N, C-alpha and C. Protein backbone atom coordinates (compact mmCIF):
# COMPACT_ATOMS: atom_id res chain seq x y z
N MET A 1 99.27 44.38 91.54
CA MET A 1 100.39 43.47 91.55
C MET A 1 100.57 42.86 90.15
N TYR A 2 101.79 42.82 89.71
CA TYR A 2 102.11 42.25 88.40
C TYR A 2 102.66 40.84 88.57
N GLN A 3 102.53 40.06 87.52
CA GLN A 3 103.10 38.73 87.52
C GLN A 3 103.93 38.54 86.25
N VAL A 4 105.01 37.81 86.41
CA VAL A 4 105.84 37.39 85.28
C VAL A 4 105.39 35.98 84.95
N TYR A 5 105.25 35.67 83.67
CA TYR A 5 104.78 34.35 83.29
C TYR A 5 105.60 33.79 82.13
N ILE A 6 105.58 32.46 82.03
CA ILE A 6 106.20 31.77 80.90
C ILE A 6 105.14 30.89 80.27
N LEU A 7 105.05 30.97 78.95
CA LEU A 7 104.14 30.13 78.18
C LEU A 7 104.94 29.13 77.36
N ARG A 8 104.40 27.94 77.23
CA ARG A 8 104.96 26.97 76.29
C ARG A 8 104.06 27.00 75.06
N CYS A 9 104.65 27.30 73.92
CA CYS A 9 103.91 27.41 72.67
C CYS A 9 103.76 26.03 72.02
N ALA A 10 102.89 25.94 71.03
CA ALA A 10 102.63 24.67 70.34
C ALA A 10 103.89 24.10 69.70
N ASP A 11 104.83 24.96 69.32
CA ASP A 11 106.08 24.48 68.71
C ASP A 11 107.17 24.22 69.76
N GLU A 12 106.76 24.17 71.06
CA GLU A 12 107.64 23.89 72.19
C GLU A 12 108.60 25.03 72.54
N THR A 13 108.46 26.20 71.93
CA THR A 13 109.27 27.34 72.34
C THR A 13 108.65 27.95 73.58
N LEU A 14 109.42 28.78 74.27
CA LEU A 14 108.96 29.44 75.49
C LEU A 14 108.83 30.93 75.25
N TYR A 15 107.78 31.52 75.80
CA TYR A 15 107.53 32.95 75.69
C TYR A 15 107.38 33.50 77.10
N THR A 16 108.05 34.61 77.41
CA THR A 16 108.00 35.22 78.73
C THR A 16 107.35 36.61 78.62
N GLY A 17 106.47 36.91 79.56
CA GLY A 17 105.82 38.21 79.56
C GLY A 17 105.40 38.61 80.96
N ILE A 18 104.75 39.79 81.08
CA ILE A 18 104.20 40.24 82.35
C ILE A 18 102.74 40.62 82.16
N ALA A 19 101.98 40.53 83.24
CA ALA A 19 100.56 40.91 83.19
C ALA A 19 100.05 41.11 84.61
N ARG A 20 98.97 41.86 84.71
CA ARG A 20 98.28 41.96 86.01
C ARG A 20 97.37 40.76 86.20
N ASP A 21 96.69 40.34 85.16
CA ASP A 21 95.78 39.18 85.20
C ASP A 21 96.31 38.14 84.22
N VAL A 22 97.06 37.18 84.73
CA VAL A 22 97.73 36.21 83.87
C VAL A 22 96.71 35.35 83.13
N ASP A 23 95.63 34.93 83.79
CA ASP A 23 94.64 34.08 83.12
C ASP A 23 94.02 34.79 81.92
N ALA A 24 93.68 36.06 82.10
CA ALA A 24 93.10 36.83 80.99
C ALA A 24 94.13 37.00 79.88
N ARG A 25 95.37 37.23 80.24
CA ARG A 25 96.42 37.42 79.22
C ARG A 25 96.67 36.13 78.44
N VAL A 26 96.63 34.99 79.11
CA VAL A 26 96.80 33.71 78.41
C VAL A 26 95.64 33.50 77.43
N ARG A 27 94.42 33.85 77.85
CA ARG A 27 93.28 33.76 76.92
C ARG A 27 93.52 34.66 75.70
N GLU A 28 94.04 35.87 75.92
CA GLU A 28 94.35 36.76 74.80
C GLU A 28 95.39 36.13 73.88
N HIS A 29 96.42 35.53 74.46
CA HIS A 29 97.45 34.89 73.64
C HIS A 29 96.84 33.78 72.78
N ASN A 30 95.84 33.10 73.28
CA ASN A 30 95.24 31.98 72.55
C ASN A 30 94.11 32.37 71.61
N GLU A 31 93.43 33.49 71.89
CA GLU A 31 92.20 33.78 71.15
C GLU A 31 92.13 35.14 70.47
N SER A 32 92.90 36.08 70.91
CA SER A 32 92.70 37.47 70.51
C SER A 32 93.74 37.96 69.52
N PRO A 33 93.34 38.92 68.68
CA PRO A 33 94.33 39.58 67.84
C PRO A 33 95.27 40.48 68.66
N LYS A 34 94.96 40.70 69.95
CA LYS A 34 95.82 41.49 70.83
C LYS A 34 97.01 40.66 71.34
N ALA A 35 97.05 39.40 70.99
CA ALA A 35 98.16 38.55 71.42
C ALA A 35 99.46 39.06 70.82
N ALA A 36 100.54 38.73 71.48
CA ALA A 36 101.86 39.08 70.95
C ALA A 36 102.03 38.41 69.58
N ARG A 37 102.67 39.10 68.69
CA ARG A 37 102.90 38.55 67.35
C ARG A 37 103.56 37.17 67.43
N TYR A 38 104.49 37.03 68.37
CA TYR A 38 105.21 35.76 68.52
C TYR A 38 104.25 34.61 68.80
N THR A 39 103.30 34.81 69.71
CA THR A 39 102.41 33.71 70.09
C THR A 39 101.26 33.50 69.12
N ARG A 40 100.89 34.52 68.37
CA ARG A 40 99.77 34.36 67.42
C ARG A 40 100.04 33.26 66.43
N GLY A 41 101.27 33.07 66.03
CA GLY A 41 101.61 32.04 65.06
C GLY A 41 102.01 30.72 65.70
N ARG A 42 101.91 30.63 67.02
CA ARG A 42 102.37 29.42 67.73
C ARG A 42 101.31 28.91 68.70
N ARG A 43 100.07 29.12 68.36
CA ARG A 43 98.96 28.68 69.21
C ARG A 43 98.73 27.19 69.07
N PRO A 44 98.19 26.56 70.11
CA PRO A 44 97.83 27.10 71.41
C PRO A 44 99.04 27.23 72.32
N VAL A 45 98.92 28.12 73.29
CA VAL A 45 99.96 28.29 74.29
C VAL A 45 99.42 27.82 75.64
N VAL A 46 100.33 27.38 76.50
CA VAL A 46 99.95 26.87 77.82
C VAL A 46 100.80 27.57 78.87
N LEU A 47 100.16 28.03 79.92
CA LEU A 47 100.88 28.65 81.03
C LEU A 47 101.64 27.57 81.79
N VAL A 48 102.97 27.73 81.90
CA VAL A 48 103.78 26.74 82.60
C VAL A 48 104.46 27.29 83.84
N TYR A 49 104.45 28.63 84.00
CA TYR A 49 105.12 29.23 85.16
C TYR A 49 104.61 30.65 85.35
N HIS A 50 104.49 31.06 86.61
CA HIS A 50 104.23 32.48 86.92
C HIS A 50 104.70 32.78 88.32
N GLU A 51 105.08 34.02 88.54
CA GLU A 51 105.49 34.48 89.86
C GLU A 51 105.05 35.92 90.03
N SER A 52 104.75 36.30 91.25
CA SER A 52 104.29 37.65 91.57
C SER A 52 105.46 38.59 91.78
N CYS A 53 105.24 39.85 91.41
CA CYS A 53 106.22 40.91 91.63
C CYS A 53 105.49 42.09 92.28
N ALA A 54 106.21 42.83 93.08
CA ALA A 54 105.60 43.93 93.85
C ALA A 54 105.16 45.11 92.99
N SER A 55 105.82 45.31 91.85
CA SER A 55 105.51 46.47 91.01
C SER A 55 105.76 46.13 89.55
N ARG A 56 105.30 47.04 88.69
CA ARG A 56 105.53 46.85 87.26
C ARG A 56 107.01 46.86 86.94
N SER A 57 107.74 47.78 87.57
CA SER A 57 109.17 47.87 87.30
C SER A 57 109.90 46.61 87.76
N ALA A 58 109.51 46.05 88.90
CA ALA A 58 110.12 44.80 89.38
C ALA A 58 109.80 43.66 88.42
N ALA A 59 108.59 43.64 87.90
CA ALA A 59 108.19 42.60 86.95
C ALA A 59 108.99 42.72 85.65
N LEU A 60 109.21 43.93 85.19
CA LEU A 60 109.99 44.13 83.97
C LEU A 60 111.44 43.70 84.15
N VAL A 61 112.00 43.98 85.32
CA VAL A 61 113.38 43.55 85.61
C VAL A 61 113.46 42.03 85.64
N ARG A 62 112.49 41.39 86.30
CA ARG A 62 112.49 39.92 86.38
C ARG A 62 112.26 39.30 85.02
N GLU A 63 111.37 39.87 84.22
CA GLU A 63 111.12 39.38 82.86
C GLU A 63 112.41 39.42 82.05
N ALA A 64 113.13 40.52 82.13
CA ALA A 64 114.38 40.65 81.39
C ALA A 64 115.40 39.60 81.85
N ALA A 65 115.45 39.36 83.15
CA ALA A 65 116.38 38.35 83.69
C ALA A 65 116.04 36.96 83.17
N ILE A 66 114.75 36.64 83.15
CA ILE A 66 114.32 35.32 82.65
C ILE A 66 114.63 35.20 81.16
N LYS A 67 114.38 36.25 80.41
CA LYS A 67 114.64 36.20 78.97
C LYS A 67 116.12 35.99 78.67
N ARG A 68 117.00 36.45 79.54
CA ARG A 68 118.44 36.25 79.34
C ARG A 68 118.91 34.84 79.69
N MET A 69 118.08 34.10 80.41
CA MET A 69 118.46 32.75 80.83
C MET A 69 118.52 31.81 79.63
N PRO A 70 119.46 30.87 79.65
CA PRO A 70 119.43 29.83 78.63
C PRO A 70 118.20 28.94 78.85
N ARG A 71 117.79 28.25 77.82
CA ARG A 71 116.59 27.42 77.90
C ARG A 71 116.68 26.41 79.04
N VAL A 72 117.84 25.84 79.28
CA VAL A 72 118.01 24.84 80.34
C VAL A 72 117.62 25.46 81.70
N GLN A 73 118.02 26.67 81.94
CA GLN A 73 117.67 27.34 83.21
C GLN A 73 116.18 27.65 83.27
N LYS A 74 115.58 28.05 82.16
CA LYS A 74 114.14 28.30 82.13
C LYS A 74 113.37 27.03 82.45
N GLU A 75 113.79 25.92 81.86
CA GLU A 75 113.12 24.64 82.11
C GLU A 75 113.25 24.26 83.59
N ALA A 76 114.40 24.51 84.19
CA ALA A 76 114.61 24.23 85.62
C ALA A 76 113.68 25.11 86.46
N LEU A 77 113.53 26.37 86.09
CA LEU A 77 112.64 27.28 86.78
C LEU A 77 111.20 26.77 86.70
N ILE A 78 110.80 26.32 85.53
CA ILE A 78 109.45 25.80 85.33
C ILE A 78 109.21 24.58 86.22
N ARG A 79 110.22 23.74 86.38
CA ARG A 79 110.07 22.52 87.19
C ARG A 79 109.92 22.83 88.68
N THR A 80 110.26 24.06 89.11
CA THR A 80 110.12 24.40 90.53
C THR A 80 108.68 24.61 90.95
N VAL A 81 107.79 24.70 90.01
CA VAL A 81 106.37 24.96 90.30
C VAL A 81 105.70 23.70 90.81
């Protein structure tokens, strides 16, 4: 099962991604050179939202939908948690 997640970076920007193990991926974003280039320069990052998806393809579709959202909608989504 895949999960879509949103991170809040140290500069208050939001980063959206997918992972099978969100906790491990957040650790990578904070500690590893395997982190996305975007988050490596904006550490530390904090997990603020995640949701489960049935498949990788469903997670990719949902990730793309979230990335298209304006920031106001992303913040509203985060508040639903």
